[in-house]
Protein backbone atom coordinates (compact mmCIF):
# COMPACT_ATOMS: atom_id res chain seq x y z
CA MET A 1 -153.28 32.24 -66.06
CA ALA A 2 -152.76 29.37 -63.84
CA ASN A 3 -152.22 26.85 -66.63
CA ARG A 4 -149.81 29.30 -68.36
CA LEU A 5 -147.86 29.67 -65.11
CA ASN A 6 -147.71 25.90 -64.65
CA ARG A 7 -146.47 25.41 -68.19
CA LYS A 8 -143.73 28.01 -67.63
CA VAL A 9 -142.52 26.38 -64.42
CA PHE A 10 -142.51 22.80 -65.80
CA SER A 11 -140.62 23.95 -68.87
CA LYS A 12 -137.51 24.60 -66.88
CA PRO A 13 -134.93 21.80 -66.92
CA ARG A 14 -135.68 19.25 -64.36
CA TRP A 15 -133.45 17.44 -61.95
CA LEU A 16 -132.86 13.73 -62.07
CA MET A 17 -131.28 11.52 -59.33
CA VAL A 18 -128.91 8.61 -60.23
CA ALA A 19 -127.72 6.70 -57.12
CA GLY A 20 -125.23 3.99 -56.51
CA ASP A 21 -126.62 0.49 -55.94
CA GLY A 22 -125.36 0.04 -52.26
CA PRO A 23 -127.67 0.42 -49.22
CA LEU A 24 -125.84 3.46 -47.94
CA ASP A 25 -125.83 5.09 -51.44
CA ARG A 26 -129.61 4.76 -51.31
CA ALA A 27 -129.84 6.30 -47.88
CA ALA A 28 -127.72 9.30 -49.04
CA ALA A 29 -129.74 9.60 -52.31
CA SER A 30 -133.00 9.58 -50.31
CA SER A 31 -131.68 12.34 -48.04
CA VAL A 32 -130.76 14.55 -50.98
CA ALA A 33 -133.89 13.76 -53.00
CA ALA A 34 -136.02 14.74 -49.99
CA LEU A 35 -134.33 18.18 -49.86
CA ILE A 36 -134.49 18.87 -53.62
CA GLN A 37 -138.19 17.70 -53.66
CA GLN A 38 -139.02 20.61 -51.38
CA HIS A 39 -138.02 23.19 -54.10
CA VAL A 40 -139.45 21.65 -57.30
CA PRO A 41 -143.10 21.33 -58.56
CA TYR A 42 -142.63 17.80 -59.94
CA ILE A 43 -141.84 14.30 -58.62
CA LEU A 44 -138.14 13.89 -58.60
CA GLN A 45 -137.31 10.66 -60.15
CA THR A 46 -134.43 8.51 -58.76
CA HIS A 47 -132.64 5.79 -60.82
CA VAL A 48 -130.35 3.20 -59.16
CA GLY A 49 -127.20 2.11 -60.92
CA GLY A 50 -127.74 3.90 -64.23
CA CYS A 51 -130.22 5.73 -66.49
CA ASP A 52 -131.24 5.92 -70.10
CA ARG A 53 -128.81 8.16 -72.12
CA ALA A 54 -131.63 10.28 -73.56
CA ARG A 55 -132.80 11.27 -70.07
CA LEU A 56 -129.22 12.14 -69.03
CA ARG A 57 -129.09 14.62 -71.95
CA THR A 58 -132.28 16.48 -71.02
CA HIS A 59 -132.00 16.69 -67.18
CA ASN A 60 -129.84 18.24 -64.59
CA LEU A 61 -128.31 15.26 -62.70
CA ALA A 62 -127.71 14.70 -59.05
CA LEU A 63 -125.22 11.80 -58.74
CA VAL A 64 -124.74 10.10 -55.38
CA GLY A 65 -122.59 7.21 -54.49
CA THR A 66 -119.00 6.06 -55.02
CA VAL A 67 -116.87 5.57 -58.16
CA ASP A 68 -117.34 1.69 -57.64
CA SER A 69 -121.18 1.89 -57.20
CA ASN A 70 -122.09 4.72 -59.58
CA GLY A 71 -120.72 4.51 -63.10
CA LEU A 72 -121.43 8.09 -63.84
CA LEU A 73 -119.34 9.18 -60.96
CA ALA A 74 -116.63 6.85 -62.15
CA ASP A 75 -116.61 8.45 -65.59
CA LEU A 76 -116.27 11.94 -64.13
CA ALA A 77 -113.30 10.75 -61.88
CA ARG A 78 -111.74 8.88 -64.80
CA ASP A 79 -111.90 11.98 -66.97
CA GLY A 80 -110.29 14.18 -64.25
CA LYS A 81 -113.41 16.32 -63.60
CA LEU A 82 -113.95 14.88 -60.03
CA HIS A 83 -111.31 14.18 -57.42
CA VAL A 84 -112.37 12.09 -54.35
CA PRO A 85 -109.99 11.76 -51.43
CA LEU A 86 -108.70 8.38 -50.84
CA GLU A 87 -109.17 8.17 -47.03
CA GLU A 88 -111.95 6.09 -45.66
CA GLN A 89 -115.08 7.99 -44.96
CA SER A 90 -114.09 10.87 -47.24
CA TYR A 91 -116.11 12.58 -49.90
CA ALA A 92 -116.14 15.27 -52.74
CA ILE A 93 -119.01 17.62 -53.43
CA LYS A 94 -119.01 19.46 -56.84
CA THR A 95 -121.20 21.23 -59.28
CA LEU A 96 -120.12 21.05 -62.88
CA PRO A 97 -121.50 21.28 -66.50
CA SER A 98 -123.01 17.94 -67.42
CA PRO A 99 -120.79 15.85 -69.82
CA PHE A 100 -124.06 14.98 -71.69
CA ASN A 101 -125.27 18.51 -72.26
CA PRO A 102 -123.23 21.57 -71.39
CA LYS A 103 -126.49 23.53 -70.91
CA ARG A 104 -127.29 21.17 -67.94
CA GLN A 105 -125.71 20.88 -64.45
CA VAL A 106 -124.33 17.95 -62.49
CA LEU A 107 -124.27 17.91 -58.68
CA ALA A 108 -121.81 15.18 -57.68
CA LEU A 109 -121.79 13.75 -54.25
CA ALA A 110 -119.19 11.12 -54.21
CA GLY A 111 -117.70 9.12 -51.39
CA SER A 112 -114.33 7.22 -51.18
CA ASP A 113 -116.61 4.34 -49.71
CA ALA A 114 -120.27 3.95 -48.75
CA ARG A 115 -120.06 5.87 -45.59
CA GLY A 116 -118.22 8.61 -47.48
CA ALA A 117 -121.17 8.91 -49.80
CA LEU A 118 -123.65 9.16 -46.95
CA TYR A 119 -121.39 11.91 -45.35
CA ALA A 120 -121.24 13.78 -48.64
CA ALA A 121 -125.13 14.04 -48.55
CA ARG A 122 -125.01 15.14 -44.83
CA ASP A 123 -122.41 17.86 -45.32
CA TRP A 124 -124.04 18.96 -48.53
CA GLU A 125 -127.11 19.79 -46.58
CA HIS A 126 -125.28 21.58 -43.87
CA TYR A 127 -122.72 23.53 -45.93
CA CYS A 128 -124.43 24.01 -49.43
CA HIS A 129 -128.20 23.48 -49.29
CA ASP A 130 -129.16 25.25 -46.09
CA PRO A 131 -126.99 28.25 -46.83
CA LEU A 132 -128.21 28.45 -50.36
CA VAL A 133 -131.85 28.57 -49.31
CA THR A 134 -131.10 31.10 -46.57
CA SER A 135 -129.30 33.34 -49.01
CA LEU A 136 -132.00 33.13 -51.60
CA ALA A 137 -134.65 33.95 -49.14
CA GLU A 138 -132.70 36.96 -47.95
CA ARG A 139 -132.10 38.37 -51.52
CA CYS A 140 -135.57 37.47 -53.02
CA ARG A 141 -138.17 38.36 -50.38
CA PRO A 142 -141.62 37.69 -51.74
CA VAL A 143 -144.36 40.38 -51.26
CA PRO A 144 -145.61 39.91 -47.74
CA HIS A 145 -149.17 39.23 -48.55
CA LEU A 146 -148.13 36.57 -51.14
CA GLU A 147 -145.46 34.93 -48.87
CA ARG A 148 -145.71 31.18 -48.45
CA PRO A 149 -144.09 29.10 -45.80
CA GLY A 150 -141.34 26.68 -46.64
CA PRO A 151 -138.03 26.77 -48.60
CA HIS A 152 -137.63 29.52 -51.17
CA PRO A 153 -138.96 28.28 -54.50
CA VAL A 154 -135.94 29.59 -56.57
CA ALA A 155 -133.63 26.87 -55.32
CA PHE A 156 -133.16 24.17 -58.03
CA ARG A 157 -135.12 26.05 -60.55
CA ALA A 158 -131.98 28.26 -61.35
CA PRO A 159 -128.48 27.12 -61.84
CA LEU A 160 -126.81 26.03 -58.69
CA PRO A 161 -123.67 27.83 -57.29
CA GLU A 162 -120.22 26.47 -57.98
CA TRP A 163 -119.43 24.09 -55.20
CA ASP A 164 -116.05 22.23 -55.01
CA LEU A 165 -115.62 20.70 -51.49
CA ALA A 166 -113.84 17.80 -50.06
CA GLY A 167 -113.85 16.28 -46.44
CA SER A 168 -112.15 13.60 -44.52
CA PRO A 169 -112.85 12.69 -40.85
CA ALA A 170 -110.21 13.71 -38.27
CA VAL A 171 -111.37 10.87 -35.98
CA PRO A 172 -112.56 7.55 -37.57
CA GLY A 173 -114.70 6.42 -34.79
CA ARG A 174 -117.32 8.91 -33.57
CA GLY A 175 -120.19 7.85 -31.29
CA ILE A 176 -122.57 7.92 -28.35
CA TRP A 177 -122.66 5.71 -25.26
CA THR A 178 -126.21 5.27 -23.90
CA TRP A 179 -125.06 3.85 -20.51
CA GLY A 180 -128.52 2.53 -19.62
CA HIS A 181 -130.48 5.48 -20.54
CA VAL A 182 -133.78 4.91 -22.27
CA VAL A 183 -133.87 5.87 -25.97
CA TYR A 184 -137.75 6.39 -26.70
CA ASP A 185 -137.45 6.55 -30.51
CA VAL A 186 -134.51 4.49 -31.63
CA ARG A 187 -134.96 5.24 -35.41
CA ALA A 188 -135.07 8.98 -34.93
CA PHE A 189 -132.04 8.80 -32.51
CA LEU A 190 -130.02 6.81 -35.09
CA GLU A 191 -131.17 9.18 -37.96
CA HIS A 192 -129.88 12.18 -35.90
CA MET A 193 -126.53 10.43 -35.25
CA SER A 194 -126.25 9.72 -38.87
CA ARG A 195 -127.14 13.32 -39.82
CA TRP A 196 -124.20 14.49 -37.82
CA LYS A 197 -121.89 11.86 -39.05
CA MET A 198 -121.69 9.66 -36.00
CA ASN A 199 -120.90 6.13 -36.64
CA THR A 200 -120.74 4.10 -33.47
CA LEU A 201 -123.45 3.53 -30.96
CA VAL A 202 -122.40 1.90 -27.64
CA CYS A 203 -125.60 0.43 -26.23
CA TRP A 204 -125.12 -0.54 -22.60
CA ASN A 205 -127.57 -2.07 -20.22
CA ASP A 206 -128.27 -4.84 -17.85
CA PHE A 207 -129.92 -6.95 -20.69
CA ALA A 208 -130.38 -6.75 -24.41
CA PRO A 209 -133.30 -4.78 -25.70
CA VAL A 210 -136.27 -6.89 -27.02
CA ASN A 211 -135.72 -5.21 -30.35
CA ALA A 212 -132.04 -5.61 -30.50
CA ARG A 213 -131.88 -7.14 -33.92
CA GLN A 214 -133.96 -4.22 -35.36
CA ILE A 215 -131.68 -1.74 -33.77
CA VAL A 216 -128.75 -3.33 -35.49
CA GLU A 217 -130.41 -3.38 -38.86
CA ALA A 218 -131.64 0.21 -38.61
CA ALA A 219 -128.15 1.40 -37.55
CA HIS A 220 -126.35 -0.48 -40.32
CA ALA A 221 -128.74 1.12 -42.90
CA LEU A 222 -127.36 4.51 -41.71
CA GLY A 223 -123.66 3.52 -41.55
CA ILE A 224 -123.63 3.11 -37.72
CA ASP A 225 -121.86 0.31 -35.95
CA VAL A 226 -123.59 -1.11 -32.76
CA VAL A 227 -121.45 -2.18 -29.83
CA TRP A 228 -123.27 -4.01 -26.99
CA GLY A 229 -122.27 -3.47 -23.37
CA TYR A 230 -123.83 -5.39 -20.41
CA THR A 231 -123.01 -5.65 -16.72
CA TRP A 232 -120.99 -8.43 -15.06
CA CYS A 233 -119.52 -8.71 -11.61
CA TRP A 234 -121.23 -5.37 -10.56
CA GLY A 235 -122.84 -5.38 -7.09
CA GLU A 236 -121.84 -8.94 -6.39
CA PRO A 237 -118.93 -10.33 -4.39
CA VAL A 238 -116.08 -11.07 -6.76
CA ASP A 239 -112.70 -12.63 -6.07
CA PRO A 240 -110.64 -12.79 -9.34
CA ASN A 241 -107.95 -14.80 -7.53
CA ASP A 242 -110.38 -17.59 -7.03
CA PRO A 243 -110.27 -19.94 -9.88
CA ASP A 244 -113.71 -21.59 -9.23
CA GLN A 245 -115.42 -18.15 -8.87
CA LEU A 246 -113.86 -17.02 -12.08
CA ALA A 247 -114.94 -20.20 -13.94
CA ARG A 248 -118.45 -19.44 -12.75
CA TRP A 249 -118.34 -15.82 -13.95
CA ARG A 250 -116.89 -16.81 -17.31
CA ARG A 251 -119.76 -19.34 -17.94
CA ARG A 252 -122.33 -16.64 -16.81
CA ILE A 253 -120.77 -13.96 -19.12
CA ILE A 254 -120.57 -16.24 -22.12
CA ARG A 255 -124.02 -17.63 -21.63
CA THR A 256 -125.54 -14.00 -21.47
CA TYR A 257 -123.75 -13.16 -24.68
CA GLU A 258 -124.84 -16.32 -26.54
CA GLU A 259 -128.43 -16.11 -25.38
CA GLN A 260 -129.09 -12.35 -25.72
CA TYR A 261 -126.53 -10.53 -27.82
CA ALA A 262 -125.15 -12.98 -30.41
CA PRO A 263 -128.62 -13.44 -32.05
CA ALA A 264 -128.99 -9.67 -32.34
CA GLY A 265 -125.80 -9.28 -34.44
CA GLY A 266 -123.73 -6.25 -33.81
CA ASP A 267 -120.27 -5.17 -34.24
CA GLY A 268 -118.59 -5.44 -30.95
CA ILE A 269 -118.89 -5.93 -27.15
CA TYR A 270 -117.98 -3.24 -24.69
CA PHE A 271 -116.05 -4.70 -21.62
CA GLN A 272 -116.49 -3.20 -18.14
CA THR A 273 -116.51 -5.38 -15.06
CA PHE A 274 -115.69 -4.78 -11.41
CA THR A 275 -113.39 -1.82 -11.98
CA GLU A 276 -115.69 0.83 -10.46
CA THR A 277 -114.60 0.42 -6.89
CA ASP A 278 -112.67 2.19 -4.31
CA ARG A 279 -110.32 -0.74 -3.80
CA LEU A 280 -107.09 -0.59 -5.73
CA HIS A 281 -105.87 -4.16 -5.02
CA ILE A 282 -107.25 -7.57 -4.36
CA GLY A 283 -104.70 -10.13 -3.11
CA ARG A 284 -101.83 -7.76 -3.70
CA LYS A 285 -102.79 -7.55 -7.41
CA THR A 286 -104.23 -4.38 -9.00
CA ILE A 287 -107.87 -4.16 -9.95
CA ALA A 288 -106.82 -3.20 -13.48
CA GLU A 289 -104.58 -6.09 -13.93
CA LEU A 290 -107.06 -8.56 -12.49
CA ALA A 291 -110.00 -7.14 -14.61
CA ALA A 292 -107.97 -7.35 -17.87
CA ARG A 293 -107.00 -10.90 -17.07
């Protein structure tokens, strides 16, 4: 009986992942593959950049990437079957019959750029996958004494619903400012940022973290820019009208950057100096004017 059941399950059309060849394409594909894998009784295979045509005819296809990094998505777009917004960080999500076999499906997650591809995967999880699993669980409740934990087994063993979604960010830069707080698990923190489509981490402290370069590399792998911030002129006497004192501060600021932050990489520096004070003027010049200069 068990062997007959297994053969019946495995006889259904399988899913195959074809991802673009960029690092964010692979991150997006990995996220989607992990969700699909929860529902199918076989190892979901992922191909990067392309796949044998014979396998394309026999499988349902999950296509992830951009029209520049994934030739199968480019073909769908060229044939007018997939329309991807042009704005940066935008995406399209669509299910459609496979062009290689009308009895098979394509799940297309296409970005206008690499970040858009990643956001397609994130929003597919939130708006398509999770509601689908919840709906199936409500409609097809198993017999109580046979109920098993985890996602409902019908998902990805039956045809997917018709999805045709597109998204573009209203705000191009979306981030978090640590302001000296300890982040105990940086990778998990960055993963959660990426999952909710945040793309900028302002990491502010009195000194660079010992693993600063690893933070940058992990962030970039998830489409997140890292902006370093560090303290200068805080808690110490400063007179921005004194040329000699300004020269000493400039040397100290630049030396801190060159020794601690430049080797770590990153995408910017957050500037904040002696502006947090109850004084409005120094030498008849405003604090804001002097700090900016």
